[in-house]
Amino acid sequence: QLHNLWLVLPPSSSIWPREDLLVTLALALARDGNAADAARLLAAANRIRPLPVFYNNRGVDHADHGREAEALADFNEAIYLNPVYATAYINRGSLYRKQSRPDQALSDYNEAIRLDPTDATAYNNRGNLHDDHGREAEALADYNEAIRLNPAYATVLYNRGSLHAEHGRADEALTDFTKAIRLNPTDAVAFHNRGSLYANHGHYAEALADYSEAIRLDPA
């Protein structure tokens, strides 16, 4: 997962008054769902004085649209401007993972957790990386910590459920998938995978219901 956090700003003492006003307005627009105008104001503030949050958010946009080189450059710049910006490390780590650069990804996730050990997303993403490379115990430990920090984090509940399912722990997987669906009832993949779990254990009526709901949510 990539973090696009409008609320991660440098200390107020480090920005010029006019820039402070622009950033404040950008935050208000972003909270109201006006992302385009918020981005324009943030860009204007960045022209006055470079802002780590601007480069981080632009990097997320580049990554979302497949512009990996530009995303990496922006995440690097955000970290250069603010070496303790944990969110930028998470995002760069996610980009490295996508690029099959696991050592760099792990290093960034570790640094993000060192800087902010309360960020559940960092643990979830590092857990995904561990799972990619067959480190089951480490993945489970990270998912557990992410859920401890944020019990309502549907994505990590789904991820932990998938890990349990991969390793034959059907009851634990079913519990996690069900919690994830309760928190995010529009997740077609979670319904599909819970349906597969039901089918594999002979609960065909429940499997059919979950498959039907998955198709309803995502007919493609």
C-alpha atoms as a PDB file:
ATOM      1  CA  GLN A   1       0.000   0.000   0.000  1.00  0.00           C
ATOM      2  CA  LEU A   2       1.110   3.523  -0.752  1.00  0.00           C
ATOM      3  CA  HIS A   3       0.509   6.252   1.796  1.00  0.00           C
ATOM      4  CA  ASN A   4      -0.807   9.571   0.501  1.00  0.00           C
ATOM      5  CA  LEU A   5      -0.966  11.603   3.694  1.00  0.00           C
ATOM      6  CA  TRP A   6      -1.936  15.249   3.448  1.00  0.00           C
ATOM      7  CA  LEU A   7      -1.432  15.667   7.166  1.00  0.00           C
ATOM      8  CA  VAL A   8       2.311  14.946   7.273  1.00  0.00           C
ATOM      9  CA  LEU A   9       3.873  18.405   7.327  1.00  0.00           C
ATOM     10  CA  PRO A  10       7.201  19.854   8.420  1.00  0.00           C
ATOM     11  CA  PRO A  11       7.214  21.738  11.723  1.00  0.00           C
ATOM     12  CA  SER A  12       5.408  25.051  11.475  1.00  0.00           C
ATOM     13  CA  SER A  13       8.556  26.934  12.474  1.00  0.00           C
ATOM     14  CA  SER A  14      10.308  25.786   9.286  1.00  0.00           C
ATOM     15  CA  ILE A  15       7.900  27.289   6.736  1.00  0.00           C
ATOM     16  CA  TRP A  16       7.217  30.835   5.592  1.00  0.00           C
ATOM     17  CA  PRO A  17       3.896  32.469   6.627  1.00  0.00           C
ATOM     18  CA  ARG A  18       2.527  32.636   3.065  1.00  0.00           C
ATOM     19  CA  GLU A  19       3.432  29.013   2.505  1.00  0.00           C
ATOM     20  CA  ASP A  20       1.815  28.088   5.827  1.00  0.00           C
ATOM     21  CA  LEU A  21      -1.440  29.649   4.636  1.00  0.00           C
ATOM     22  CA  LEU A  22      -1.341  27.795   1.320  1.00  0.00           C
ATOM     23  CA  VAL A  23      -0.703  24.486   3.047  1.00  0.00           C
ATOM     24  CA  THR A  24      -3.528  25.113   5.518  1.00  0.00           C
ATOM     25  CA  LEU A  25      -5.927  25.837   2.664  1.00  0.00           C
ATOM     26  CA  ALA A  26      -4.718  22.758   0.794  1.00  0.00           C
ATOM     27  CA  LEU A  27      -5.419  20.596   3.842  1.00  0.00           C
ATOM     28  CA  ALA A  28      -8.924  22.006   4.151  1.00  0.00           C
ATOM     29  CA  LEU A  29      -9.644  21.326   0.481  1.00  0.00           C
ATOM     30  CA  ALA A  30      -8.252  17.802   0.739  1.00  0.00           C
ATOM     31  CA  ARG A  31     -10.455  17.033   3.738  1.00  0.00           C
ATOM     32  CA  ASP A  32     -13.458  18.235   1.711  1.00  0.00           C
ATOM     33  CA  GLY A  33     -12.552  15.852  -1.111  1.00  0.00           C
ATOM     34  CA  ASN A  34     -11.227  18.518  -3.495  1.00  0.00           C
ATOM     35  CA  ALA A  35      -7.934  16.803  -4.249  1.00  0.00           C
ATOM     36  CA  ALA A  36      -7.197  18.645  -7.506  1.00  0.00           C
ATOM     37  CA  ASP A  37      -7.374  22.143  -6.014  1.00  0.00           C
ATOM     38  CA  ALA A  38      -5.544  20.971  -2.904  1.00  0.00           C
ATOM     39  CA  ALA A  39      -2.715  19.647  -5.064  1.00  0.00           C
ATOM     40  CA  ARG A  40      -2.475  22.964  -6.926  1.00  0.00           C
ATOM     41  CA  LEU A  41      -2.214  24.928  -3.680  1.00  0.00           C
ATOM     42  CA  LEU A  42       0.370  22.524  -2.309  1.00  0.00           C
ATOM     43  CA  ALA A  43       2.384  22.920  -5.508  1.00  0.00           C
ATOM     44  CA  ALA A  44       2.230  26.702  -5.081  1.00  0.00           C
ATOM     45  CA  ALA A  45       3.484  26.380  -1.511  1.00  0.00           C
ATOM     46  CA  ASN A  46       6.267  24.119  -2.720  1.00  0.00           C
ATOM     47  CA  ARG A  47       7.426  26.787  -5.178  1.00  0.00           C
ATOM     48  CA  ILE A  48       7.985  29.128  -2.236  1.00  0.00           C
ATOM     49  CA  ARG A  49       9.898  26.551  -0.239  1.00  0.00           C
ATOM     50  CA  PRO A  50      10.331  22.832  -1.052  1.00  0.00           C
ATOM     51  CA  LEU A  51       7.981  20.677   1.014  1.00  0.00           C
ATOM     52  CA  PRO A  52       8.576  16.988   1.743  1.00  0.00           C
ATOM     53  CA  VAL A  53       4.815  16.348   1.740  1.00  0.00           C
ATOM     54  CA  PHE A  54       4.537  17.759  -1.792  1.00  0.00           C
ATOM     55  CA  TYR A  55       7.177  15.384  -3.145  1.00  0.00           C
ATOM     56  CA  ASN A  56       5.706  12.453  -1.235  1.00  0.00           C
ATOM     57  CA  ASN A  57       2.197  13.064  -2.563  1.00  0.00           C
ATOM     58  CA  ARG A  58       3.394  13.665  -6.095  1.00  0.00           C
ATOM     59  CA  GLY A  59       5.440  10.481  -5.840  1.00  0.00           C
ATOM     60  CA  VAL A  60       2.293   8.572  -4.872  1.00  0.00           C
ATOM     61  CA  ASP A  61       0.521   9.990  -7.917  1.00  0.00           C
ATOM     62  CA  HIS A  62       3.414   8.991 -10.173  1.00  0.00           C
ATOM     63  CA  ALA A  63       3.414   5.482  -8.682  1.00  0.00           C
ATOM     64  CA  ASP A  64      -0.358   5.164  -9.095  1.00  0.00           C
ATOM     65  CA  HIS A  65       0.047   5.925 -12.794  1.00  0.00           C
ATOM     66  CA  GLY A  66       3.028   3.657 -13.427  1.00  0.00           C
ATOM     67  CA  ARG A  67       5.673   6.387 -13.595  1.00  0.00           C
ATOM     68  CA  GLU A  68       8.132   4.537 -11.378  1.00  0.00           C
ATOM     69  CA  ALA A  69      11.269   6.550 -12.141  1.00  0.00           C
ATOM     70  CA  GLU A  70       9.498   9.811 -11.366  1.00  0.00           C
ATOM     71  CA  ALA A  71       7.955   8.320  -8.213  1.00  0.00           C
ATOM     72  CA  LEU A  72      11.342   7.160  -6.957  1.00  0.00           C
ATOM     73  CA  ALA A  73      12.874  10.585  -7.616  1.00  0.00           C
ATOM     74  CA  ASP A  74      10.099  12.269  -5.633  1.00  0.00           C
ATOM     75  CA  PHE A  75      10.302   9.876  -2.696  1.00  0.00           C
ATOM     76  CA  ASN A  76      14.082  10.378  -2.648  1.00  0.00           C
ATOM     77  CA  GLU A  77      13.591  14.144  -2.601  1.00  0.00           C
ATOM     78  CA  ALA A  78      11.033  13.944   0.208  1.00  0.00           C
ATOM     79  CA  ILE A  79      13.487  11.926   2.295  1.00  0.00           C
ATOM     80  CA  TYR A  80      16.371  14.264   1.425  1.00  0.00           C
ATOM     81  CA  LEU A  81      14.314  17.245   2.625  1.00  0.00           C
ATOM     82  CA  ASN A  82      13.109  15.430   5.745  1.00  0.00           C
ATOM     83  CA  PRO A  83      15.240  12.392   6.682  1.00  0.00           C
ATOM     84  CA  VAL A  84      12.804  11.456   9.478  1.00  0.00           C
ATOM     85  CA  TYR A  85       9.721  11.386   7.217  1.00  0.00           C
ATOM     86  CA  ALA A  86       8.501   7.848   7.932  1.00  0.00           C
ATOM     87  CA  THR A  87       5.679   7.942   5.387  1.00  0.00           C
ATOM     88  CA  ALA A  88       8.086   8.609   2.521  1.00  0.00           C
ATOM     89  CA  TYR A  89      10.172   5.597   3.571  1.00  0.00           C
ATOM     90  CA  ILE A  90       7.028   3.429   3.528  1.00  0.00           C
ATOM     91  CA  ASN A  91       6.117   4.624   0.061  1.00  0.00           C
ATOM     92  CA  ARG A  92       9.613   4.195  -1.318  1.00  0.00           C
ATOM     93  CA  GLY A  93       9.759   0.736   0.244  1.00  0.00           C
ATOM     94  CA  SER A  94       6.495  -0.179  -1.484  1.00  0.00           C
ATOM     95  CA  LEU A  95       7.905   1.013  -4.789  1.00  0.00           C
ATOM     96  CA  TYR A  96      11.076  -1.025  -4.254  1.00  0.00           C
ATOM     97  CA  ARG A  97       8.941  -4.086  -3.482  1.00  0.00           C
ATOM     98  CA  LYS A  98       7.002  -3.568  -6.711  1.00  0.00           C
ATOM     99  CA  GLN A  99      10.330  -3.337  -8.562  1.00  0.00           C
ATOM    100  CA  SER A 100      11.536  -6.634  -7.019  1.00  0.00           C
ATOM    101  CA  ARG A 101      14.221  -4.927  -4.954  1.00  0.00           C
ATOM    102  CA  PRO A 102      13.551  -6.673  -1.628  1.00  0.00           C
ATOM    103  CA  ASP A 103      16.683  -5.612   0.221  1.00  0.00           C
ATOM    104  CA  GLN A 104      16.012  -1.928  -0.412  1.00  0.00           C
ATOM    105  CA  ALA A 105      12.331  -2.385   0.443  1.00  0.00           C
ATOM    106  CA  LEU A 106      13.156  -4.079   3.734  1.00  0.00           C
ATOM    107  CA  SER A 107      15.641  -1.371   4.622  1.00  0.00           C
ATOM    108  CA  ASP A 108      13.029   1.344   4.049  1.00  0.00           C
ATOM    109  CA  TYR A 109      10.316  -0.464   5.989  1.00  0.00           C
ATOM    110  CA  ASN A 110      12.723  -1.022   8.868  1.00  0.00           C
ATOM    111  CA  GLU A 111      13.634   2.655   8.889  1.00  0.00           C
ATOM    112  CA  ALA A 112       9.979   3.717   8.788  1.00  0.00           C
ATOM    113  CA  ILE A 113       9.234   1.491  11.790  1.00  0.00           C
ATOM    114  CA  ARG A 114      12.271   2.816  13.647  1.00  0.00           C
ATOM    115  CA  LEU A 115      11.073   6.381  13.034  1.00  0.00           C
ATOM    116  CA  ASP A 116       7.418   5.676  13.826  1.00  0.00           C
ATOM    117  CA  PRO A 117       6.796   2.347  15.568  1.00  0.00           C
ATOM    118  CA  THR A 118       3.068   3.147  15.803  1.00  0.00           C
ATOM    119  CA  ASP A 119       2.400   3.082  12.036  1.00  0.00           C
ATOM    120  CA  ALA A 120       0.378  -0.044  11.288  1.00  0.00           C
ATOM    121  CA  THR A 121       0.859   0.341   7.544  1.00  0.00           C
ATOM    122  CA  ALA A 122       4.607  -0.052   7.868  1.00  0.00           C
ATOM    123  CA  TYR A 123       4.169  -3.362   9.689  1.00  0.00           C
ATOM    124  CA  ASN A 124       1.559  -4.561   7.189  1.00  0.00           C
ATOM    125  CA  ASN A 125       3.773  -3.739   4.228  1.00  0.00           C
ATOM    126  CA  ARG A 126       6.835  -5.323   5.787  1.00  0.00           C
ATOM    127  CA  GLY A 127       4.713  -8.374   6.540  1.00  0.00           C
ATOM    128  CA  ASN A 128       3.775  -8.574   2.862  1.00  0.00           C
ATOM    129  CA  LEU A 129       7.445  -8.428   1.925  1.00  0.00           C
ATOM    130  CA  HIS A 130       8.292 -11.212   4.382  1.00  0.00           C
ATOM    131  CA  ASP A 131       5.437 -13.294   2.966  1.00  0.00           C
ATOM    132  CA  ASP A 132       6.757 -12.722  -0.568  1.00  0.00           C
ATOM    133  CA  HIS A 133       9.985 -14.415   0.438  1.00  0.00           C
ATOM    134  CA  GLY A 134       8.592 -17.266   2.525  1.00  0.00           C
ATOM    135  CA  ARG A 135       9.380 -15.806   5.945  1.00  0.00           C
ATOM    136  CA  GLU A 136       6.137 -16.966   7.550  1.00  0.00           C
ATOM    137  CA  ALA A 137       7.023 -16.282  11.183  1.00  0.00           C
ATOM    138  CA  GLU A 138       8.234 -12.754  10.439  1.00  0.00           C
ATOM    139  CA  ALA A 139       5.183 -12.010   8.285  1.00  0.00           C
ATOM    140  CA  LEU A 140       2.808 -13.234  10.979  1.00  0.00           C
ATOM    141  CA  ALA A 141       4.580 -11.196  13.648  1.00  0.00           C
ATOM    142  CA  ASP A 142       4.269  -8.042  11.546  1.00  0.00           C
ATOM    143  CA  TYR A 143       0.607  -8.635  10.742  1.00  0.00           C
ATOM    144  CA  ASN A 144      -0.105  -9.256  14.414  1.00  0.00           C
ATOM    145  CA  GLU A 145       1.589  -5.990  15.374  1.00  0.00           C
ATOM    146  CA  ALA A 146      -0.285  -4.061  12.682  1.00  0.00           C
ATOM    147  CA  ILE A 147      -3.589  -5.410  13.992  1.00  0.00           C
ATOM    148  CA  ARG A 148      -2.592  -4.637  17.583  1.00  0.00           C
ATOM    149  CA  LEU A 149      -1.932  -1.040  16.539  1.00  0.00           C
ATOM    150  CA  ASN A 150      -5.097  -0.792  14.413  1.00  0.00           C
ATOM    151  CA  PRO A 151      -7.681  -3.504  15.093  1.00  0.00           C
ATOM    152  CA  ALA A 152      -9.984  -2.045  12.417  1.00  0.00           C
ATOM    153  CA  TYR A 153      -7.395  -2.382   9.619  1.00  0.00           C
ATOM    154  CA  ALA A 154      -9.301  -4.565   7.155  1.00  0.00           C
ATOM    155  CA  THR A 155      -6.422  -4.978   4.712  1.00  0.00           C
ATOM    156  CA  VAL A 156      -4.062  -6.485   7.245  1.00  0.00           C
ATOM    157  CA  LEU A 157      -6.787  -8.786   8.577  1.00  0.00           C
ATOM    158  CA  TYR A 158      -7.265 -10.033   5.022  1.00  0.00           C
ATOM    159  CA  ASN A 159      -3.490 -10.442   4.613  1.00  0.00           C
ATOM    160  CA  ARG A 160      -3.153 -12.376   7.849  1.00  0.00           C
ATOM    161  CA  GLY A 161      -6.115 -14.520   6.853  1.00  0.00           C
ATOM    162  CA  SER A 162      -4.416 -15.306   3.552  1.00  0.00           C
ATOM    163  CA  LEU A 163      -1.239 -16.279   5.395  1.00  0.00           C
ATOM    164  CA  HIS A 164      -3.198 -18.576   7.715  1.00  0.00           C
ATOM    165  CA  ALA A 165      -4.946 -20.143   4.712  1.00  0.00           C
ATOM    166  CA  GLU A 166      -1.639 -20.719   2.914  1.00  0.00           C
ATOM    167  CA  HIS A 167      -0.363 -22.659   5.909  1.00  0.00           C
ATOM    168  CA  GLY A 168      -3.457 -24.737   6.594  1.00  0.00           C
ATOM    169  CA  ARG A 169      -4.880 -22.805   9.526  1.00  0.00           C
ATOM    170  CA  ALA A 170      -8.443 -22.738   8.228  1.00  0.00           C
ATOM    171  CA  ASP A 171     -10.206 -21.621  11.405  1.00  0.00           C
ATOM    172  CA  GLU A 172      -7.869 -18.668  11.898  1.00  0.00           C
ATOM    173  CA  ALA A 173      -8.159 -17.761   8.218  1.00  0.00           C
ATOM    174  CA  LEU A 174     -11.963 -17.851   8.361  1.00  0.00           C
ATOM    175  CA  THR A 175     -11.971 -15.615  11.430  1.00  0.00           C
ATOM    176  CA  ASP A 176      -9.716 -13.034   9.792  1.00  0.00           C
ATOM    177  CA  PHE A 177     -11.555 -13.045   6.450  1.00  0.00           C
ATOM    178  CA  THR A 178     -14.871 -12.586   8.252  1.00  0.00           C
ATOM    179  CA  LYS A 179     -13.531  -9.669  10.311  1.00  0.00           C
ATOM    180  CA  ALA A 180     -12.077  -8.082   7.168  1.00  0.00           C
ATOM    181  CA  ILE A 181     -15.412  -8.399   5.351  1.00  0.00           C
ATOM    182  CA  ARG A 182     -17.284  -6.934   8.304  1.00  0.00           C
ATOM    183  CA  LEU A 183     -14.973  -3.910   8.202  1.00  0.00           C
ATOM    184  CA  ASN A 184     -14.969  -3.636   4.403  1.00  0.00           C
ATOM    185  CA  PRO A 185     -18.059  -5.308   2.931  1.00  0.00           C
ATOM    186  CA  THR A 186     -17.198  -4.128  -0.600  1.00  0.00           C
ATOM    187  CA  ASP A 187     -14.025  -6.219  -0.922  1.00  0.00           C
ATOM    188  CA  ALA A 188     -14.819  -8.742  -3.655  1.00  0.00           C
ATOM    189  CA  VAL A 189     -11.490 -10.539  -3.262  1.00  0.00           C
ATOM    190  CA  ALA A 190     -12.131 -11.178   0.425  1.00  0.00           C
ATOM    191  CA  PHE A 191     -15.511 -12.727  -0.372  1.00  0.00           C
ATOM    192  CA  HIS A 192     -13.968 -14.843  -3.127  1.00  0.00           C
ATOM    193  CA  ASN A 193     -11.184 -16.123  -0.908  1.00  0.00           C
ATOM    194  CA  ARG A 194     -13.502 -16.845   1.995  1.00  0.00           C
ATOM    195  CA  GLY A 195     -15.709 -18.689  -0.486  1.00  0.00           C
ATOM    196  CA  SER A 196     -12.741 -20.789  -1.576  1.00  0.00           C
ATOM    197  CA  LEU A 197     -11.970 -21.571   2.043  1.00  0.00           C
ATOM    198  CA  TYR A 198     -15.556 -22.692   2.601  1.00  0.00           C
ATOM    199  CA  ALA A 199     -15.521 -24.797  -0.586  1.00  0.00           C
ATOM    200  CA  ASN A 200     -12.258 -26.487   0.356  1.00  0.00           C
ATOM    201  CA  HIS A 201     -13.849 -27.617   3.607  1.00  0.00           C
ATOM    202  CA  GLY A 202     -17.155 -28.781   2.167  1.00  0.00           C
ATOM    203  CA  HIS A 203     -19.312 -25.813   3.162  1.00  0.00           C
ATOM    204  CA  TYR A 204     -20.802 -25.400  -0.285  1.00  0.00           C
ATOM    205  CA  ALA A 205     -23.810 -23.245   0.575  1.00  0.00           C
ATOM    206  CA  GLU A 206     -21.598 -20.682   2.300  1.00  0.00           C
ATOM    207  CA  ALA A 207     -19.105 -20.877  -0.562  1.00  0.00           C
ATOM    208  CA  LEU A 208     -21.819 -20.220  -3.136  1.00  0.00           C
ATOM    209  CA  ALA A 209     -23.090 -17.234  -1.169  1.00  0.00           C
ATOM    210  CA  ASP A 210     -19.613 -15.728  -0.967  1.00  0.00           C
ATOM    211  CA  TYR A 211     -18.838 -16.362  -4.642  1.00  0.00           C
ATOM    212  CA  SER A 212     -22.159 -14.771  -5.597  1.00  0.00           C
ATOM    213  CA  GLU A 213     -21.419 -11.706  -3.523  1.00  0.00           C
ATOM    214  CA  ALA A 214     -17.922 -11.432  -5.006  1.00  0.00           C
ATOM    215  CA  ILE A 215     -19.414 -11.491  -8.503  1.00  0.00           C
ATOM    216  CA  ARG A 216     -22.021  -8.915  -7.556  1.00  0.00           C
ATOM    217  CA  LEU A 217     -19.345  -6.592  -6.221  1.00  0.00           C
ATOM    218  CA  ASP A 218     -16.985  -7.139  -9.139  1.00  0.00           C
ATOM    219  CA  PRO A 219     -18.728  -8.601 -12.206  1.00  0.00           C
ATOM    220  CA  ALA A 220     -15.514  -8.353 -14.236  1.00  0.00           C
END
